[in-house]
Amino acid sequence: MERKYTLLAILVIVLALGLVVLPKSNGRKEIDPKVLLDGVVERSRFLSVDQVTHRIIENDPSLELIDLRPADQFKTFALPGSINLNPDSLLSPYGSELLGEPGKDKVLYGNSDLIAEKAWLVCSRYSINRLYIMKGGMNEWFTTIIKVQQATGTPSTTDLDLISFRNAARQFFVGSGTATHTPIVPVQKEKAPLIRKAPSSSAGGGC
């Protein structure tokens, strides 16, 4: 319980500091900081990589994936249907049009949660709705979806169903070949975006 309150206190401080340094946007009405804080504490802004993957496979027309990673990483591997957006362009005319598209669930992601959390704060400050974060980013996506899943111990029916889904999803994205966890990092040589091929090997992950 004490750890919970400590984390909440840190979150409040980070949010307070974030509200000071977040970019200004002329002509936009800012949300009440208390309402924004409630949104930060409420975890419903997160979608799991399983949820996002299921919607990709189902070709969900309401899903709008916004990849906040650098352009070279996006070109190395991109989730199907995703759009690359520089975090500095969130409140630009293009970014505002993209994030304001009606009928869409906008899902932000980077390599981890760091960039996506900051982007979520910027956008939520100006009441952009139906805005989510893919929890764990691309590093979590590779670990969960691309890495081969094995049952351990005595798995429940739910666990087996989840493993079955992830293995089927892995084949959807990379085929039947063996894949390992490969975090996205900057690369020197540009490659065409890949959809159904395994990403090239690299080491380390970013934000």
N, C-alpha and C. Protein backbone atom coordinates (compact mmCIF):
# COMPACT_ATOMS: atom_id res chain seq x y z
N MET A 1 0.83 -1.20 0.00
CA MET A 1 0.00 0.00 0.00
C MET A 1 0.87 1.25 0.00
N GLU A 2 1.94 1.24 0.82
CA GLU A 2 2.84 2.39 0.90
C GLU A 2 3.49 2.64 -0.46
N ARG A 3 3.88 1.55 -1.15
CA ARG A 3 4.50 1.68 -2.47
C ARG A 3 3.53 2.31 -3.46
N LYS A 4 2.24 1.94 -3.34
CA LYS A 4 1.22 2.49 -4.22
C LYS A 4 1.14 4.00 -4.08
N TYR A 5 1.13 4.48 -2.84
CA TYR A 5 1.03 5.93 -2.61
C TYR A 5 2.30 6.65 -3.04
N THR A 6 3.45 5.98 -2.88
CA THR A 6 4.72 6.57 -3.33
C THR A 6 4.70 6.77 -4.84
N LEU A 7 4.25 5.75 -5.57
CA LEU A 7 4.17 5.84 -7.02
C LEU A 7 3.19 6.94 -7.44
N LEU A 8 2.08 7.04 -6.72
CA LEU A 8 1.10 8.08 -7.04
C LEU A 8 1.69 9.46 -6.82
N ALA A 9 2.45 9.63 -5.73
CA ALA A 9 3.07 10.93 -5.43
C ALA A 9 4.06 11.31 -6.53
N ILE A 10 4.86 10.32 -6.96
CA ILE A 10 5.81 10.58 -8.05
C ILE A 10 5.07 10.96 -9.32
N LEU A 11 3.96 10.27 -9.59
CA LEU A 11 3.16 10.55 -10.78
C LEU A 11 2.61 11.97 -10.76
N VAL A 12 2.15 12.40 -9.60
CA VAL A 12 1.62 13.76 -9.46
C VAL A 12 2.70 14.79 -9.74
N ILE A 13 3.91 14.55 -9.21
CA ILE A 13 5.02 15.48 -9.42
C ILE A 13 5.39 15.55 -10.88
N VAL A 14 5.49 14.37 -11.52
CA VAL A 14 5.84 14.32 -12.95
C VAL A 14 4.79 15.05 -13.77
N LEU A 15 3.53 14.83 -13.44
CA LEU A 15 2.45 15.49 -14.16
C LEU A 15 2.53 17.00 -13.99
N ALA A 16 2.79 17.44 -12.74
CA ALA A 16 2.88 18.87 -12.49
C ALA A 16 4.01 19.50 -13.30
N LEU A 17 5.14 18.84 -13.34
CA LEU A 17 6.26 19.34 -14.12
C LEU A 17 5.94 19.30 -15.60
N GLY A 18 5.25 18.23 -16.01
CA GLY A 18 4.90 18.09 -17.42
C GLY A 18 3.99 19.20 -17.89
N LEU A 19 3.08 19.64 -17.03
CA LEU A 19 2.16 20.71 -17.42
C LEU A 19 2.89 22.02 -17.63
N VAL A 20 4.04 22.16 -16.98
CA VAL A 20 4.81 23.39 -17.15
C VAL A 20 5.53 23.40 -18.49
N VAL A 21 6.07 22.25 -18.89
CA VAL A 21 6.91 22.21 -20.08
C VAL A 21 6.16 21.76 -21.34
N LEU A 22 4.92 21.33 -21.21
CA LEU A 22 4.19 20.92 -22.40
C LEU A 22 4.04 22.11 -23.34
N PRO A 23 4.11 21.87 -24.65
CA PRO A 23 4.03 22.98 -25.60
C PRO A 23 2.68 23.64 -25.61
N LYS A 24 2.69 24.94 -25.86
CA LYS A 24 1.45 25.69 -25.97
C LYS A 24 0.88 25.54 -27.37
N SER A 25 -0.42 25.60 -27.45
CA SER A 25 -1.08 25.52 -28.76
C SER A 25 -2.12 26.62 -28.84
N ASN A 26 -1.88 27.59 -29.70
CA ASN A 26 -2.78 28.72 -29.82
C ASN A 26 -4.16 28.28 -30.29
N GLY A 27 -5.18 28.87 -29.67
CA GLY A 27 -6.54 28.60 -30.11
C GLY A 27 -7.15 27.33 -29.55
N ARG A 28 -6.44 26.62 -28.70
CA ARG A 28 -6.97 25.38 -28.12
C ARG A 28 -7.33 25.60 -26.66
N LYS A 29 -8.44 25.03 -26.27
CA LYS A 29 -8.87 25.12 -24.89
C LYS A 29 -8.23 24.01 -24.08
N GLU A 30 -7.56 24.37 -22.99
CA GLU A 30 -6.85 23.38 -22.19
C GLU A 30 -7.80 22.74 -21.17
N ILE A 31 -7.58 21.45 -20.92
CA ILE A 31 -8.38 20.72 -19.97
C ILE A 31 -7.97 21.09 -18.54
N ASP A 32 -8.90 20.96 -17.61
CA ASP A 32 -8.60 21.20 -16.20
C ASP A 32 -7.52 20.22 -15.75
N PRO A 33 -6.43 20.70 -15.11
CA PRO A 33 -5.36 19.81 -14.66
C PRO A 33 -5.85 18.67 -13.77
N LYS A 34 -6.89 18.92 -12.96
CA LYS A 34 -7.41 17.86 -12.10
C LYS A 34 -8.04 16.74 -12.93
N VAL A 35 -8.72 17.13 -13.99
CA VAL A 35 -9.31 16.12 -14.88
C VAL A 35 -8.21 15.33 -15.57
N LEU A 36 -7.16 16.03 -15.97
CA LEU A 36 -6.04 15.37 -16.63
C LEU A 36 -5.36 14.40 -15.66
N LEU A 37 -5.22 14.80 -14.40
CA LEU A 37 -4.62 13.93 -13.40
C LEU A 37 -5.45 12.67 -13.20
N ASP A 38 -6.77 12.83 -13.19
CA ASP A 38 -7.65 11.66 -13.08
C ASP A 38 -7.41 10.70 -14.24
N GLY A 39 -7.18 11.27 -15.42
CA GLY A 39 -6.92 10.44 -16.59
C GLY A 39 -5.61 9.70 -16.49
N VAL A 40 -4.61 10.34 -15.86
CA VAL A 40 -3.31 9.70 -15.69
C VAL A 40 -3.41 8.54 -14.70
N VAL A 41 -4.13 8.75 -13.61
CA VAL A 41 -4.29 7.71 -12.60
C VAL A 41 -5.12 6.55 -13.15
N GLU A 42 -6.13 6.86 -13.94
CA GLU A 42 -6.97 5.84 -14.55
C GLU A 42 -6.19 5.11 -15.64
N ARG A 43 -6.09 3.80 -15.58
CA ARG A 43 -5.24 3.01 -16.47
C ARG A 43 -5.95 2.63 -17.78
N SER A 44 -7.15 3.11 -18.00
CA SER A 44 -7.90 2.71 -19.20
C SER A 44 -7.28 3.25 -20.48
N ARG A 45 -6.28 4.14 -20.37
CA ARG A 45 -5.64 4.66 -21.57
C ARG A 45 -4.72 3.62 -22.23
N PHE A 46 -4.42 2.54 -21.50
CA PHE A 46 -3.52 1.52 -22.02
C PHE A 46 -4.28 0.40 -22.72
N LEU A 47 -3.77 0.00 -23.90
CA LEU A 47 -4.22 -1.21 -24.56
C LEU A 47 -3.04 -2.18 -24.58
N SER A 48 -3.30 -3.44 -24.31
CA SER A 48 -2.23 -4.43 -24.33
C SER A 48 -1.81 -4.72 -25.77
N VAL A 49 -0.62 -5.27 -25.93
CA VAL A 49 -0.18 -5.63 -27.28
C VAL A 49 -1.08 -6.72 -27.86
N ASP A 50 -1.65 -7.56 -27.00
CA ASP A 50 -2.59 -8.58 -27.49
C ASP A 50 -3.84 -7.93 -28.08
N GLN A 51 -4.37 -6.93 -27.39
CA GLN A 51 -5.55 -6.23 -27.89
C GLN A 51 -5.27 -5.55 -29.22
N VAL A 52 -4.13 -4.85 -29.30
CA VAL A 52 -3.77 -4.15 -30.54
C VAL A 52 -3.55 -5.15 -31.67
N THR A 53 -2.84 -6.25 -31.38
CA THR A 53 -2.56 -7.25 -32.40
C THR A 53 -3.84 -7.87 -32.93
N HIS A 54 -4.76 -8.18 -32.05
CA HIS A 54 -6.04 -8.76 -32.47
C HIS A 54 -6.77 -7.82 -33.43
N ARG A 55 -6.74 -6.54 -33.12
CA ARG A 55 -7.44 -5.57 -33.98
C ARG A 55 -6.73 -5.39 -35.31
N ILE A 56 -5.39 -5.52 -35.32
CA ILE A 56 -4.66 -5.46 -36.58
C ILE A 56 -5.04 -6.64 -37.47
N ILE A 57 -5.03 -7.84 -36.89
CA ILE A 57 -5.34 -9.05 -37.64
C ILE A 57 -6.77 -9.01 -38.17
N GLU A 58 -7.68 -8.47 -37.36
CA GLU A 58 -9.09 -8.36 -37.76
C GLU A 58 -9.32 -7.19 -38.71
N ASN A 59 -8.27 -6.43 -39.00
CA ASN A 59 -8.37 -5.27 -39.89
C ASN A 59 -9.46 -4.30 -39.41
N ASP A 60 -9.42 -4.01 -38.13
CA ASP A 60 -10.40 -3.13 -37.50
C ASP A 60 -10.33 -1.73 -38.10
N PRO A 61 -11.39 -1.26 -38.76
CA PRO A 61 -11.35 0.06 -39.41
C PRO A 61 -11.31 1.23 -38.43
N SER A 62 -11.62 0.97 -37.15
CA SER A 62 -11.61 2.06 -36.16
C SER A 62 -10.24 2.22 -35.51
N LEU A 63 -9.29 1.35 -35.86
CA LEU A 63 -7.96 1.40 -35.26
C LEU A 63 -7.04 2.30 -36.06
N GLU A 64 -6.43 3.28 -35.38
CA GLU A 64 -5.46 4.17 -36.02
C GLU A 64 -4.17 4.12 -35.20
N LEU A 65 -3.16 3.45 -35.75
CA LEU A 65 -1.89 3.28 -35.06
C LEU A 65 -0.97 4.45 -35.40
N ILE A 66 -0.45 5.10 -34.38
CA ILE A 66 0.44 6.25 -34.57
C ILE A 66 1.80 5.91 -33.97
N ASP A 67 2.75 5.70 -34.85
CA ASP A 67 4.11 5.30 -34.49
C ASP A 67 4.95 6.55 -34.27
N LEU A 68 5.41 6.74 -33.03
CA LEU A 68 6.15 7.94 -32.65
C LEU A 68 7.66 7.76 -32.72
N ARG A 69 8.12 6.63 -33.23
CA ARG A 69 9.56 6.39 -33.31
C ARG A 69 10.18 7.19 -34.45
N PRO A 70 11.52 7.33 -34.45
CA PRO A 70 12.19 8.01 -35.56
C PRO A 70 11.88 7.33 -36.89
N ALA A 71 11.95 8.12 -37.97
CA ALA A 71 11.57 7.63 -39.29
C ALA A 71 12.39 6.42 -39.74
N ASP A 72 13.69 6.37 -39.39
CA ASP A 72 14.50 5.24 -39.84
C ASP A 72 14.07 3.94 -39.18
N GLN A 73 13.64 4.01 -37.93
CA GLN A 73 13.13 2.82 -37.26
C GLN A 73 11.79 2.39 -37.86
N PHE A 74 10.97 3.37 -38.18
CA PHE A 74 9.68 3.08 -38.80
C PHE A 74 9.86 2.39 -40.15
N LYS A 75 10.88 2.81 -40.91
CA LYS A 75 11.13 2.21 -42.21
C LYS A 75 11.68 0.79 -42.08
N THR A 76 12.36 0.51 -40.96
CA THR A 76 12.91 -0.83 -40.74
C THR A 76 11.80 -1.83 -40.46
N PHE A 77 10.86 -1.45 -39.63
CA PHE A 77 9.71 -2.31 -39.36
C PHE A 77 8.54 -1.45 -38.93
N ALA A 78 7.40 -1.66 -39.54
CA ALA A 78 6.21 -0.90 -39.19
C ALA A 78 5.03 -1.84 -39.02
N LEU A 79 4.23 -1.63 -37.99
CA LEU A 79 3.00 -2.39 -37.84
C LEU A 79 2.07 -2.04 -38.99
N PRO A 80 1.37 -3.02 -39.53
CA PRO A 80 0.48 -2.77 -40.67
C PRO A 80 -0.51 -1.64 -40.41
N GLY A 81 -0.58 -0.70 -41.33
CA GLY A 81 -1.53 0.40 -41.24
C GLY A 81 -1.10 1.54 -40.36
N SER A 82 0.08 1.45 -39.75
CA SER A 82 0.52 2.51 -38.84
C SER A 82 0.99 3.74 -39.60
N ILE A 83 0.93 4.88 -38.91
CA ILE A 83 1.35 6.16 -39.48
C ILE A 83 2.48 6.72 -38.62
N ASN A 84 3.56 7.12 -39.25
CA ASN A 84 4.70 7.66 -38.53
C ASN A 84 4.50 9.15 -38.28
N LEU A 85 4.57 9.57 -37.02
CA LEU A 85 4.38 10.97 -36.67
C LEU A 85 5.46 11.39 -35.68
N ASN A 86 6.18 12.45 -36.03
CA ASN A 86 7.18 12.99 -35.13
C ASN A 86 6.48 13.59 -33.91
N PRO A 87 6.92 13.25 -32.68
CA PRO A 87 6.26 13.80 -31.49
C PRO A 87 6.18 15.32 -31.47
N ASP A 88 7.14 16.00 -32.12
CA ASP A 88 7.11 17.46 -32.18
C ASP A 88 5.99 17.98 -33.07
N SER A 89 5.37 17.09 -33.85
CA SER A 89 4.32 17.49 -34.79
C SER A 89 2.92 17.17 -34.29
N LEU A 90 2.81 16.79 -33.03
CA LEU A 90 1.50 16.39 -32.49
C LEU A 90 0.46 17.49 -32.64
N LEU A 91 0.87 18.74 -32.40
CA LEU A 91 -0.08 19.85 -32.43
C LEU A 91 0.03 20.67 -33.71
N SER A 92 0.73 20.14 -34.70
CA SER A 92 0.80 20.79 -36.01
C SER A 92 -0.54 20.59 -36.72
N PRO A 93 -0.80 21.33 -37.80
CA PRO A 93 -2.05 21.12 -38.54
C PRO A 93 -2.25 19.66 -38.96
N TYR A 94 -1.16 19.02 -39.43
CA TYR A 94 -1.27 17.62 -39.85
C TYR A 94 -1.55 16.72 -38.65
N GLY A 95 -0.80 16.94 -37.56
CA GLY A 95 -1.01 16.12 -36.37
C GLY A 95 -2.40 16.30 -35.79
N SER A 96 -2.88 17.54 -35.78
CA SER A 96 -4.22 17.81 -35.25
C SER A 96 -5.30 17.14 -36.10
N GLU A 97 -5.11 17.16 -37.41
CA GLU A 97 -6.08 16.51 -38.30
C GLU A 97 -6.07 15.00 -38.09
N LEU A 98 -4.88 14.44 -37.94
CA LEU A 98 -4.74 12.99 -37.75
C LEU A 98 -5.36 12.56 -36.42
N LEU A 99 -5.04 13.28 -35.35
CA LEU A 99 -5.52 12.91 -34.03
C LEU A 99 -6.99 13.26 -33.81
N GLY A 100 -7.51 14.15 -34.64
CA GLY A 100 -8.89 14.55 -34.49
C GLY A 100 -9.84 13.81 -35.40
N GLU A 101 -9.34 12.81 -36.10
CA GLU A 101 -10.20 12.08 -37.04
C GLU A 101 -11.32 11.37 -36.29
N PRO A 102 -12.57 11.64 -36.64
CA PRO A 102 -13.70 11.04 -35.91
C PRO A 102 -13.82 9.54 -36.17
N GLY A 103 -14.37 8.84 -35.20
CA GLY A 103 -14.63 7.42 -35.37
C GLY A 103 -13.40 6.54 -35.27
N LYS A 104 -12.28 7.09 -34.79
CA LYS A 104 -11.04 6.34 -34.72
C LYS A 104 -10.52 6.27 -33.29
N ASP A 105 -9.99 5.10 -32.93
CA ASP A 105 -9.26 4.95 -31.68
C ASP A 105 -7.79 5.15 -32.00
N LYS A 106 -7.25 6.27 -31.56
CA LYS A 106 -5.85 6.60 -31.85
C LYS A 106 -4.94 5.93 -30.82
N VAL A 107 -4.06 5.03 -31.29
CA VAL A 107 -3.18 4.28 -30.40
C VAL A 107 -1.75 4.73 -30.62
N LEU A 108 -1.16 5.35 -29.60
CA LEU A 108 0.20 5.86 -29.67
C LEU A 108 1.18 4.80 -29.19
N TYR A 109 2.35 4.75 -29.82
CA TYR A 109 3.38 3.86 -29.30
C TYR A 109 4.76 4.29 -29.78
N GLY A 110 5.76 3.98 -28.93
CA GLY A 110 7.16 4.16 -29.29
C GLY A 110 7.85 2.82 -29.12
N ASN A 111 9.10 2.83 -28.70
CA ASN A 111 9.77 1.57 -28.38
C ASN A 111 9.35 1.08 -27.00
N SER A 112 9.22 2.02 -26.05
CA SER A 112 8.70 1.72 -24.72
C SER A 112 7.51 2.66 -24.49
N ASP A 113 7.18 2.93 -23.23
CA ASP A 113 6.04 3.81 -22.95
C ASP A 113 6.41 5.28 -22.85
N LEU A 114 7.69 5.60 -22.76
CA LEU A 114 8.11 6.96 -22.42
C LEU A 114 7.59 8.01 -23.38
N ILE A 115 7.89 7.86 -24.67
CA ILE A 115 7.45 8.85 -25.65
C ILE A 115 5.93 8.89 -25.76
N ALA A 116 5.31 7.71 -25.75
CA ALA A 116 3.86 7.63 -25.88
C ALA A 116 3.16 8.31 -24.70
N GLU A 117 3.71 8.14 -23.49
CA GLU A 117 3.11 8.78 -22.31
C GLU A 117 3.17 10.30 -22.44
N LYS A 118 4.32 10.83 -22.89
CA LYS A 118 4.45 12.27 -23.06
C LYS A 118 3.48 12.77 -24.13
N ALA A 119 3.38 12.02 -25.23
CA ALA A 119 2.47 12.40 -26.31
C ALA A 119 1.02 12.37 -25.83
N TRP A 120 0.70 11.36 -25.03
CA TRP A 120 -0.66 11.26 -24.50
C TRP A 120 -0.99 12.47 -23.62
N LEU A 121 -0.03 12.90 -22.80
CA LEU A 121 -0.24 14.07 -21.96
C LEU A 121 -0.48 15.32 -22.79
N VAL A 122 0.35 15.50 -23.83
CA VAL A 122 0.20 16.67 -24.70
C VAL A 122 -1.18 16.69 -25.33
N CYS A 123 -1.59 15.57 -25.88
CA CYS A 123 -2.87 15.51 -26.60
C CYS A 123 -4.07 15.59 -25.65
N SER A 124 -3.96 14.90 -24.52
CA SER A 124 -5.07 14.90 -23.56
C SER A 124 -5.25 16.27 -22.92
N ARG A 125 -4.18 17.02 -22.87
CA ARG A 125 -4.26 18.37 -22.31
C ARG A 125 -5.25 19.21 -23.10
N TYR A 126 -5.38 18.89 -24.40
CA TYR A 126 -6.29 19.65 -25.26
C TYR A 126 -7.50 18.82 -25.66
N SER A 127 -7.89 17.88 -24.77
CA SER A 127 -9.15 17.14 -24.88
C SER A 127 -9.28 16.33 -26.17
N ILE A 128 -8.18 15.83 -26.70
CA ILE A 128 -8.26 14.90 -27.82
C ILE A 128 -8.72 13.56 -27.26
N ASN A 129 -9.87 13.08 -27.74
CA ASN A 129 -10.45 11.88 -27.15
C ASN A 129 -10.14 10.62 -27.95
N ARG A 130 -10.60 9.49 -27.41
CA ARG A 130 -10.36 8.17 -27.98
C ARG A 130 -8.87 7.98 -28.25
N LEU A 131 -8.08 8.32 -27.24
CA LEU A 131 -6.62 8.30 -27.35
C LEU A 131 -6.08 7.24 -26.39
N TYR A 132 -5.23 6.36 -26.91
CA TYR A 132 -4.72 5.24 -26.12
C TYR A 132 -3.20 5.09 -26.31
N ILE A 133 -2.62 4.24 -25.48
CA ILE A 133 -1.20 3.90 -25.56
C ILE A 133 -1.08 2.38 -25.65
N MET A 134 -0.29 1.89 -26.59
CA MET A 134 0.00 0.45 -26.62
C MET A 134 1.02 0.18 -25.52
N LYS A 135 0.59 -0.48 -24.48
CA LYS A 135 1.42 -0.70 -23.30
C LYS A 135 2.70 -1.45 -23.63
N GLY A 136 3.84 -0.85 -23.27
CA GLY A 136 5.13 -1.48 -23.49
C GLY A 136 5.77 -1.17 -24.82
N GLY A 137 5.00 -0.61 -25.75
CA GLY A 137 5.54 -0.23 -27.05
C GLY A 137 6.02 -1.41 -27.88
N MET A 138 6.89 -1.11 -28.84
CA MET A 138 7.36 -2.12 -29.78
C MET A 138 8.24 -3.17 -29.10
N ASN A 139 8.98 -2.81 -28.07
CA ASN A 139 9.78 -3.80 -27.36
C ASN A 139 8.88 -4.87 -26.74
N GLU A 140 7.78 -4.45 -26.13
CA GLU A 140 6.83 -5.39 -25.55
C GLU A 140 6.13 -6.19 -26.65
N TRP A 141 5.84 -5.54 -27.77
CA TRP A 141 5.18 -6.24 -28.88
C TRP A 141 6.05 -7.38 -29.40
N PHE A 142 7.35 -7.11 -29.58
CA PHE A 142 8.25 -8.16 -30.05
C PHE A 142 8.35 -9.28 -29.02
N THR A 143 8.49 -8.94 -27.76
CA THR A 143 8.61 -9.95 -26.71
C THR A 143 7.37 -10.83 -26.63
N THR A 144 6.21 -10.21 -26.74
CA THR A 144 4.95 -10.93 -26.55
C THR A 144 4.46 -11.64 -27.80
N ILE A 145 4.57 -10.99 -28.94
CA ILE A 145 3.98 -11.52 -30.16
C ILE A 145 4.99 -12.27 -31.03
N ILE A 146 6.18 -11.73 -31.20
CA ILE A 146 7.15 -12.32 -32.12
C ILE A 146 7.95 -13.45 -31.48
N LYS A 147 8.29 -13.32 -30.22
CA LYS A 147 9.03 -14.37 -29.54
C LYS A 147 8.15 -15.61 -29.39
N VAL A 148 8.70 -16.79 -29.66
CA VAL A 148 7.94 -18.04 -29.58
C VAL A 148 7.45 -18.27 -28.15
N GLN A 149 6.17 -18.57 -28.02
CA GLN A 149 5.56 -18.77 -26.71
C GLN A 149 5.55 -20.26 -26.35
N GLN A 150 5.96 -20.57 -25.12
CA GLN A 150 5.95 -21.95 -24.63
C GLN A 150 5.18 -22.01 -23.32
N ALA A 151 4.36 -23.05 -23.18
CA ALA A 151 3.61 -23.24 -21.94
C ALA A 151 4.55 -23.74 -20.86
N THR A 152 4.40 -23.24 -19.64
CA THR A 152 5.21 -23.68 -18.51
C THR A 152 4.29 -24.13 -17.37
N GLY A 153 4.76 -25.08 -16.58
CA GLY A 153 3.96 -25.56 -15.47
C GLY A 153 2.70 -26.24 -15.96
N THR A 154 1.60 -25.93 -15.28
CA THR A 154 0.29 -26.45 -15.66
C THR A 154 -0.58 -25.27 -16.06
N PRO A 155 -0.53 -24.87 -17.32
CA PRO A 155 -1.28 -23.70 -17.75
C PRO A 155 -2.78 -23.93 -17.75
N SER A 156 -3.52 -22.89 -17.48
CA SER A 156 -4.98 -22.96 -17.52
C SER A 156 -5.45 -22.91 -18.97
N THR A 157 -6.74 -23.13 -19.16
CA THR A 157 -7.31 -23.04 -20.50
C THR A 157 -7.14 -21.65 -21.07
N THR A 158 -7.28 -20.64 -20.20
CA THR A 158 -7.10 -19.26 -20.64
C THR A 158 -5.66 -19.01 -21.09
N ASP A 159 -4.70 -19.54 -20.33
CA ASP A 159 -3.29 -19.39 -20.70
C ASP A 159 -3.00 -20.06 -22.03
N LEU A 160 -3.54 -21.25 -22.23
CA LEU A 160 -3.32 -21.98 -23.48
C LEU A 160 -3.94 -21.24 -24.67
N ASP A 161 -5.12 -20.67 -24.44
CA ASP A 161 -5.77 -19.90 -25.51
C ASP A 161 -4.93 -18.69 -25.89
N LEU A 162 -4.36 -18.03 -24.87
CA LEU A 162 -3.54 -16.85 -25.12
C LEU A 162 -2.26 -17.23 -25.87
N ILE A 163 -1.63 -18.31 -25.45
CA ILE A 163 -0.42 -18.78 -26.15
C ILE A 163 -0.75 -19.15 -27.58
N SER A 164 -1.88 -19.81 -27.78
CA SER A 164 -2.29 -20.20 -29.13
C SER A 164 -2.51 -18.97 -30.00
N PHE A 165 -3.15 -17.96 -29.43
CA PHE A 165 -3.37 -16.72 -30.18
C PHE A 165 -2.05 -16.06 -30.56
N ARG A 166 -1.13 -15.98 -29.61
CA ARG A 166 0.15 -15.31 -29.87
C ARG A 166 0.97 -16.06 -30.91
N ASN A 167 0.95 -17.39 -30.85
CA ASN A 167 1.68 -18.15 -31.85
C ASN A 167 1.08 -18.00 -33.23
N ALA A 168 -0.26 -17.95 -33.29
CA ALA A 168 -0.93 -17.72 -34.58
C ALA A 168 -0.62 -16.32 -35.09
N ALA A 169 -0.58 -15.35 -34.18
CA ALA A 169 -0.26 -13.97 -34.56
C ALA A 169 1.16 -13.87 -35.08
N ARG A 170 2.08 -14.60 -34.43
CA ARG A 170 3.48 -14.60 -34.88
C ARG A 170 3.57 -15.10 -36.32
N GLN A 171 2.84 -16.17 -36.64
CA GLN A 171 2.85 -16.69 -38.00
C GLN A 171 2.23 -15.69 -38.97
N PHE A 172 1.24 -14.95 -38.51
CA PHE A 172 0.62 -13.93 -39.35
C PHE A 172 1.63 -12.87 -39.75
N PHE A 173 2.49 -12.48 -38.81
CA PHE A 173 3.44 -11.39 -39.07
C PHE A 173 4.76 -11.86 -39.69
N VAL A 174 5.26 -13.01 -39.26
CA VAL A 174 6.60 -13.41 -39.71
C VAL A 174 6.64 -14.77 -40.39
N GLY A 175 5.51 -15.45 -40.54
CA GLY A 175 5.54 -16.78 -41.12
C GLY A 175 5.83 -17.82 -40.06
N SER A 176 6.21 -19.02 -40.47
CA SER A 176 6.40 -20.14 -39.54
C SER A 176 7.83 -20.26 -39.04
N GLY A 177 8.72 -19.36 -39.48
CA GLY A 177 10.12 -19.44 -39.04
C GLY A 177 10.27 -19.06 -37.59
N THR A 178 11.38 -19.47 -37.00
CA THR A 178 11.66 -19.16 -35.59
C THR A 178 12.06 -17.70 -35.46
N ALA A 179 11.51 -17.02 -34.48
CA ALA A 179 11.83 -15.61 -34.26
C ALA A 179 12.21 -15.41 -32.80
N THR A 180 13.04 -14.45 -32.54
CA THR A 180 13.43 -14.12 -31.18
C THR A 180 13.14 -12.65 -30.93
N HIS A 181 13.23 -12.25 -29.69
CA HIS A 181 12.98 -10.86 -29.32
C HIS A 181 14.03 -9.96 -29.95
N THR A 182 13.58 -9.00 -30.73
CA THR A 182 14.50 -8.09 -31.40
C THR A 182 14.02 -6.66 -31.20
N PRO A 183 14.48 -5.97 -30.14
CA PRO A 183 14.03 -4.60 -29.92
C PRO A 183 14.41 -3.70 -31.10
N ILE A 184 13.56 -2.72 -31.37
CA ILE A 184 13.82 -1.77 -32.45
C ILE A 184 14.89 -0.77 -32.00
N VAL A 185 15.91 -0.57 -32.82
CA VAL A 185 16.94 0.44 -32.57
C VAL A 185 17.24 1.13 -33.88
N PRO A 186 17.88 2.32 -33.82
CA PRO A 186 18.25 2.97 -35.08
C PRO A 186 19.17 2.09 -35.91
N VAL A 187 19.01 2.13 -37.22
CA VAL A 187 19.85 1.36 -38.13
C VAL A 187 20.56 2.30 -39.08
N GLN A 188 21.69 1.85 -39.63
CA GLN A 188 22.47 2.68 -40.53
C GLN A 188 21.94 2.64 -41.96
N LYS A 189 21.46 1.47 -42.37
CA LYS A 189 21.02 1.30 -43.74
C LYS A 189 19.51 1.29 -43.81
N GLU A 190 18.95 2.12 -44.68
CA GLU A 190 17.51 2.18 -44.83
C GLU A 190 17.00 0.92 -45.51
N LYS A 191 15.87 0.43 -45.04
CA LYS A 191 15.23 -0.72 -45.66
C LYS A 191 13.76 -0.38 -45.89
N ALA A 192 13.16 -1.06 -46.85
CA ALA A 192 11.75 -0.85 -47.11
C ALA A 192 10.95 -1.37 -45.92
N PRO A 193 9.78 -0.75 -45.62
CA PRO A 193 8.95 -1.22 -44.52
C PRO A 193 8.60 -2.69 -44.70
N LEU A 194 8.69 -3.46 -43.62
CA LEU A 194 8.36 -4.87 -43.67
C LEU A 194 7.02 -5.11 -43.00
N ILE A 195 6.24 -6.01 -43.54
CA ILE A 195 4.96 -6.32 -42.94
C ILE A 195 4.93 -7.77 -42.44
N ARG A 196 5.34 -8.71 -43.29
CA ARG A 196 5.22 -10.11 -42.92
C ARG A 196 6.57 -10.81 -42.84
N LYS A 197 7.66 -10.06 -42.74
CA LYS A 197 8.97 -10.65 -42.61
C LYS A 197 9.55 -10.33 -41.24
N ALA A 198 10.36 -11.23 -40.73
CA ALA A 198 10.97 -11.02 -39.42
C ALA A 198 11.91 -9.85 -39.49
N PRO A 199 11.93 -8.95 -38.47
CA PRO A 199 12.83 -7.81 -38.44
C PRO A 199 14.26 -8.27 -38.30
N SER A 200 15.21 -7.44 -38.80
CA SER A 200 16.62 -7.79 -38.72
C SER A 200 17.08 -7.72 -37.28
N SER A 201 18.12 -8.48 -36.95
CA SER A 201 18.63 -8.57 -35.58
C SER A 201 19.27 -7.26 -35.18
N SER A 202 19.09 -6.85 -33.96
CA SER A 202 19.72 -5.66 -33.41
C SER A 202 19.80 -5.81 -31.92
N ALA A 203 20.44 -4.87 -31.25
CA ALA A 203 20.61 -5.00 -29.81
C ALA A 203 20.14 -3.73 -29.13
N GLY A 204 19.46 -3.90 -27.99
CA GLY A 204 19.04 -2.75 -27.20
C GLY A 204 17.73 -2.19 -27.70
N GLY A 205 17.13 -1.33 -26.91
CA GLY A 205 15.87 -0.71 -27.27
C GLY A 205 15.89 0.74 -26.90
N GLY A 206 14.93 1.49 -27.37
CA GLY A 206 14.88 2.91 -27.08
C GLY A 206 13.64 3.26 -26.32
N CYS A 207 13.17 4.49 -26.54
CA CYS A 207 12.01 4.99 -25.81
C CYS A 207 10.72 4.51 -26.44
